[in-house]
C-alpha atoms as a PDB file:
ATOM      1  CA  MET A   1      -0.741 -20.464  19.837  1.00  0.00           C
ATOM      2  CA  PRO A   2      -3.842 -17.996  19.352  1.00  0.00           C
ATOM      3  CA  ARG A   3      -4.048 -15.894  16.474  1.00  0.00           C
ATOM      4  CA  PRO A   4      -2.882 -12.374  17.041  1.00  0.00           C
ATOM      5  CA  SER A   5      -6.178  -9.883  16.797  1.00  0.00           C
ATOM      6  CA  GLY A   6      -6.489  -6.387  15.223  1.00  0.00           C
ATOM      7  CA  ARG A   7      -4.110  -4.143  12.748  1.00  0.00           C
ATOM      8  CA  VAL A   8      -0.336  -5.084  12.560  1.00  0.00           C
ATOM      9  CA  LEU A   9       1.069  -3.216   9.755  1.00  0.00           C
ATOM     10  CA  VAL A  10       4.157  -4.646   7.834  1.00  0.00           C
ATOM     11  CA  ALA A  11       4.537  -1.947   5.298  1.00  0.00           C
ATOM     12  CA  GLN A  12       3.195   1.438   4.050  1.00  0.00           C
ATOM     13  CA  ASN A  13       3.933   3.312   0.643  1.00  0.00           C
ATOM     14  CA  LYS A  14       4.460   6.712   1.417  1.00  0.00           C
ATOM     15  CA  LYS A  15       5.527   7.726  -2.292  1.00  0.00           C
ATOM     16  CA  ALA A  16       2.169   6.476  -3.559  1.00  0.00           C
ATOM     17  CA  ARG A  17       0.484   9.340  -1.595  1.00  0.00           C
ATOM     18  CA  HIS A  18       3.397  11.992  -2.768  1.00  0.00           C
ATOM     19  CA  ASP A  19       2.935  10.671  -6.754  1.00  0.00           C
ATOM     20  CA  TYR A  20      -1.112   9.968  -6.699  1.00  0.00           C
ATOM     21  CA  HIS A  21      -4.182  11.774  -5.854  1.00  0.00           C
ATOM     22  CA  ILE A  22      -5.616   9.010  -4.384  1.00  0.00           C
ATOM     23  CA  GLY A  23      -9.451   7.533  -5.389  1.00  0.00           C
ATOM     24  CA  ASP A  24     -11.481   4.373  -4.064  1.00  0.00           C
ATOM     25  CA  ARG A  25      -9.864   2.172  -1.791  1.00  0.00           C
ATOM     26  CA  PHE A  26      -9.953  -1.682  -1.295  1.00  0.00           C
ATOM     27  CA  GLU A  27      -9.047  -4.180   1.539  1.00  0.00           C
ATOM     28  CA  ALA A  28      -7.807  -7.224  -0.619  1.00  0.00           C
ATOM     29  CA  GLY A  29      -6.351 -10.520   0.519  1.00  0.00           C
ATOM     30  CA  LEU A  30      -3.120 -11.957  -0.570  1.00  0.00           C
ATOM     31  CA  VAL A  31      -2.397 -15.781  -1.876  1.00  0.00           C
ATOM     32  CA  LEU A  32       1.326 -16.250  -0.176  1.00  0.00           C
ATOM     33  CA  THR A  33       3.353 -19.004   0.617  1.00  0.00           C
ATOM     34  CA  GLY A  34       4.718 -19.908   3.789  1.00  0.00           C
ATOM     35  CA  THR A  35       8.071 -18.312   3.922  1.00  0.00           C
ATOM     36  CA  GLU A  36       6.584 -14.925   2.613  1.00  0.00           C
ATOM     37  CA  VAL A  37       4.495 -15.015   5.610  1.00  0.00           C
ATOM     38  CA  LYS A  38       7.593 -15.408   7.853  1.00  0.00           C
ATOM     39  CA  SER A  39       8.941 -12.923   6.146  1.00  0.00           C
ATOM     40  CA  LEU A  40       6.209 -10.643   6.422  1.00  0.00           C
ATOM     41  CA  ARG A  41       5.831 -10.982  10.299  1.00  0.00           C
ATOM     42  CA  GLU A  42       9.434  -9.954  10.634  1.00  0.00           C
ATOM     43  CA  GLY A  43       7.904  -6.770   8.593  1.00  0.00           C
ATOM     44  CA  ARG A  44      10.085  -7.113   5.637  1.00  0.00           C
ATOM     45  CA  ALA A  45       8.581  -5.540   2.474  1.00  0.00           C
ATOM     46  CA  SER A  46       8.479  -2.843   0.127  1.00  0.00           C
ATOM     47  CA  LEU A  47       5.326  -1.667  -1.930  1.00  0.00           C
ATOM     48  CA  VAL A  48       7.534   1.415  -3.637  1.00  0.00           C
ATOM     49  CA  GLU A  49       7.312   0.281  -6.841  1.00  0.00           C
ATOM     50  CA  GLY A  50       4.239  -2.156  -6.903  1.00  0.00           C
ATOM     51  CA  PHE A  51       1.362  -1.803  -8.981  1.00  0.00           C
ATOM     52  CA  VAL A  52      -1.999  -4.034  -9.466  1.00  0.00           C
ATOM     53  CA  THR A  53      -3.135  -5.392 -12.650  1.00  0.00           C
ATOM     54  CA  VAL A  54      -6.354  -7.247 -13.898  1.00  0.00           C
ATOM     55  CA  ASP A  55      -5.538 -10.316 -16.143  1.00  0.00           C
ATOM     56  CA  ASP A  56      -8.355 -12.709 -17.551  1.00  0.00           C
ATOM     57  CA  GLY A  57     -10.731 -11.493 -14.498  1.00  0.00           C
ATOM     58  CA  GLU A  58      -8.092 -11.933 -11.832  1.00  0.00           C
ATOM     59  CA  ALA A  59      -6.264  -8.976 -10.027  1.00  0.00           C
ATOM     60  CA  TRP A  60      -2.503  -9.623  -9.924  1.00  0.00           C
ATOM     61  CA  LEU A  61      -0.028  -7.623  -7.128  1.00  0.00           C
ATOM     62  CA  ARG A  62       3.176  -7.110  -9.061  1.00  0.00           C
ATOM     63  CA  ASN A  63       6.447  -5.527  -8.247  1.00  0.00           C
ATOM     64  CA  VAL A  64       6.092  -6.012  -4.765  1.00  0.00           C
ATOM     65  CA  ASN A  65       8.972  -6.773  -3.066  1.00  0.00           C
ATOM     66  CA  ILE A  66       9.360  -9.578  -0.082  1.00  0.00           C
ATOM     67  CA  PRO A  67      12.672 -10.653   0.740  1.00  0.00           C
ATOM     68  CA  GLU A  68      13.618 -14.384   0.973  1.00  0.00           C
ATOM     69  CA  TYR A  69      13.007 -15.634   4.593  1.00  0.00           C
ATOM     70  CA  ARG A  70      16.456 -15.837   6.176  1.00  0.00           C
ATOM     71  CA  PHE A  71      15.907 -19.698   7.835  1.00  0.00           C
ATOM     72  CA  GLY A  72      14.480 -20.733   4.608  1.00  0.00           C
ATOM     73  CA  THR A  73      15.884 -23.483   2.750  1.00  0.00           C
ATOM     74  CA  TRP A  74      15.527 -24.615  -1.054  1.00  0.00           C
ATOM     75  CA  THR A  75      11.337 -23.978  -0.461  1.00  0.00           C
ATOM     76  CA  ASN A  76      12.106 -19.840  -0.035  1.00  0.00           C
ATOM     77  CA  HIS A  77      10.092 -17.655  -2.596  1.00  0.00           C
ATOM     78  CA  ALA A  78      11.279 -15.214  -5.273  1.00  0.00           C
ATOM     79  CA  PRO A  79      11.258 -11.944  -3.864  1.00  0.00           C
ATOM     80  CA  LYS A  80       9.010  -9.999  -6.731  1.00  0.00           C
ATOM     81  CA  ARG A  81       6.927 -12.614  -7.985  1.00  0.00           C
ATOM     82  CA  ASN A  82       3.345 -12.138  -8.805  1.00  0.00           C
ATOM     83  CA  ARG A  83       0.894 -12.362  -5.983  1.00  0.00           C
ATOM     84  CA  LYS A  84      -2.508 -13.058  -6.931  1.00  0.00           C
ATOM     85  CA  LEU A  85      -5.017 -10.578  -4.694  1.00  0.00           C
ATOM     86  CA  LEU A  86      -8.824 -12.078  -3.064  1.00  0.00           C
ATOM     87  CA  LEU A  87     -11.307  -9.743  -4.189  1.00  0.00           C
ATOM     88  CA  HIS A  88     -15.002  -9.879  -5.021  1.00  0.00           C
ATOM     89  CA  ARG A  89     -15.950 -10.285  -8.379  1.00  0.00           C
ATOM     90  CA  LYS A  90     -17.832  -6.727  -8.570  1.00  0.00           C
ATOM     91  CA  GLN A  91     -14.553  -5.438  -6.891  1.00  0.00           C
ATOM     92  CA  ILE A  92     -12.431  -6.778  -9.487  1.00  0.00           C
ATOM     93  CA  ASP A  93     -14.794  -5.580 -12.325  1.00  0.00           C
ATOM     94  CA  LYS A  94     -14.529  -2.191 -11.092  1.00  0.00           C
ATOM     95  CA  LEU A  95     -10.929  -2.222 -11.014  1.00  0.00           C
ATOM     96  CA  GLU A  96     -10.807  -3.383 -14.043  1.00  0.00           C
ATOM     97  CA  ARG A  97     -13.301  -0.550 -15.605  1.00  0.00           C
ATOM     98  CA  GLU A  98     -11.605   2.566 -13.406  1.00  0.00           C
ATOM     99  CA  THR A  99      -8.180   1.422 -15.096  1.00  0.00           C
ATOM    100  CA  ASP A 100      -9.245   1.188 -18.646  1.00  0.00           C
ATOM    101  CA  ASN A 101      -9.644   5.362 -18.053  1.00  0.00           C
ATOM    102  CA  SER A 102      -6.424   6.515 -19.237  1.00  0.00           C
ATOM    103  CA  GLY A 103      -3.703   7.849 -16.757  1.00  0.00           C
ATOM    104  CA  ARG A 104      -5.274   6.073 -13.782  1.00  0.00           C
ATOM    105  CA  THR A 105      -3.287   2.724 -11.913  1.00  0.00           C
ATOM    106  CA  VAL A 106      -4.122   0.976  -8.925  1.00  0.00           C
ATOM    107  CA  VAL A 107      -1.092   1.386  -6.440  1.00  0.00           C
ATOM    108  CA  PRO A 108      -0.597  -0.604  -2.973  1.00  0.00           C
ATOM    109  CA  LEU A 109      -1.024   1.720   0.068  1.00  0.00           C
ATOM    110  CA  SER A 110      -0.197  -0.716   2.684  1.00  0.00           C
ATOM    111  CA  LEU A 111       0.381  -3.984   3.673  1.00  0.00           C
ATOM    112  CA  TYR A 112      -0.533  -5.159   7.190  1.00  0.00           C
ATOM    113  CA  PHE A 113      -2.196  -8.425   9.214  1.00  0.00           C
ATOM    114  CA  SER A 114      -5.753  -8.196  10.323  1.00  0.00           C
ATOM    115  CA  ASP A 115      -6.662 -10.745  12.634  1.00  0.00           C
ATOM    116  CA  GLY A 116      -3.764 -12.877  11.505  1.00  0.00           C
ATOM    117  CA  TYR A 117      -4.413 -12.835   7.693  1.00  0.00           C
ATOM    118  CA  ALA A 118      -2.288 -10.790   5.426  1.00  0.00           C
ATOM    119  CA  LYS A 119      -4.105  -7.812   3.813  1.00  0.00           C
ATOM    120  CA  VAL A 120      -3.211  -4.982   1.525  1.00  0.00           C
ATOM    121  CA  GLU A 121      -4.921  -1.729   0.866  1.00  0.00           C
ATOM    122  CA  ILE A 122      -4.815  -0.770  -2.900  1.00  0.00           C
ATOM    123  CA  ALA A 123      -6.281   2.265  -4.598  1.00  0.00           C
ATOM    124  CA  VAL A 124      -7.283   3.429  -7.517  1.00  0.00           C
ATOM    125  CA  ALA A 125      -5.012   6.464  -8.274  1.00  0.00           C
ATOM    126  CA  THR A 126      -4.161   9.258 -10.802  1.00  0.00           C
ATOM    127  CA  GLY A 127      -0.776  10.436 -11.574  1.00  0.00           C
ATOM    128  CA  LYS A 128       0.219  13.752 -10.235  1.00  0.00           C
ATOM    129  CA  LYS A 129       1.877  16.716 -12.402  1.00  0.00           C
ATOM    130  CA  ASP A 130       5.261  18.250 -10.922  1.00  0.00           C
ATOM    131  CA  TRP A 131       3.360  21.403 -10.288  1.00  0.00           C
ATOM    132  CA  ASP A 132       0.633  19.637  -8.025  1.00  0.00           C
ATOM    133  CA  LYS A 133       3.610  17.888  -6.188  1.00  0.00           C
ATOM    134  CA  ARG A 134       5.119  21.011  -5.261  1.00  0.00           C
ATOM    135  CA  GLN A 135       1.553  22.697  -4.147  1.00  0.00           C
ATOM    136  CA  ALA A 136       0.882  19.867  -1.714  1.00  0.00           C
ATOM    137  CA  ILE A 137       4.672  20.173  -0.311  1.00  0.00           C
ATOM    138  CA  ALA A 138       3.510  24.083  -0.129  1.00  0.00           C
ATOM    139  CA  GLU A 139       0.172  23.625   1.869  1.00  0.00           C
ATOM    140  CA  ARG A 140       1.963  20.855   4.148  1.00  0.00           C
ATOM    141  CA  ASP A 141       4.774  23.538   5.243  1.00  0.00           C
ATOM    142  CA  ALA A 142       2.368  26.309   5.351  1.00  0.00           C
ATOM    143  CA  ASN A 143       0.438  24.266   7.738  1.00  0.00           C
ATOM    144  CA  ARG A 144       3.067  23.011  10.007  1.00  0.00           C
ATOM    145  CA  GLU A 145       4.038  27.055  10.090  1.00  0.00           C
ATOM    146  CA  ALA A 146       0.604  27.793  11.444  1.00  0.00           C
ATOM    147  CA  GLN A 147       0.785  24.883  14.045  1.00  0.00           C
ATOM    148  CA  ARG A 148       4.130  26.440  15.270  1.00  0.00           C
ATOM    149  CA  ALA A 149       2.905  29.811  15.477  1.00  0.00           C
ATOM    150  CA  LEU A 150      -0.263  28.538  17.299  1.00  0.00           C
ATOM    151  CA  ALA A 151       1.763  26.844  19.520  1.00  0.00           C
ATOM    152  CA  ALA A 152       4.260  29.401  20.417  1.00  0.00           C
ATOM    153  CA  ARG A 153       0.929  31.802  20.878  1.00  0.00           C
ATOM    154  CA  ASN A 154      -0.170  29.485  23.485  1.00  0.00           C
ATOM    155  CA  ARG A 155       2.718  28.882  25.221  1.00  0.00           C
ATOM    156  CA  GLY A 156       3.162  32.860  25.527  1.00  0.00           C
ATOM    157  CA  ARG A 157      -0.199  32.637  27.643  1.00  0.00           C
ATOM    158  CA  ARG A 158       0.749  30.499  30.137  1.00  0.00           C
END
């Protein structure tokens, strides 16, 4: 069977965009077992509590929930196990430098298949304060109202 081409989204972390200011982004490969890949192909994953750490020069994806494969046997995987990320040495070093600064963390933004290979988009992020979140919500609501008013005005002309 030919490998699917293009990008197939499996999971997205919308909460990260709400809770953090997103900085540099990286695309990383994942070291997965067979049942994890099958579970991802079914579209089952959660990135909400996930984060990335750099330990001994290796990047690890932690707290990402990939549920057990339904038809798996005793060879099934642990749902929240640590998964190694495949990045270039320069990228790992940059992540390590960025996270040494206080208040910064690395969060997963999306999990997808790119030309048949499982990939995760990660980003260096800085936490938002409560007033930042309220301000972002107010801006989004104001833009939505402006779009509605513009659409209503354009409908009235026709």
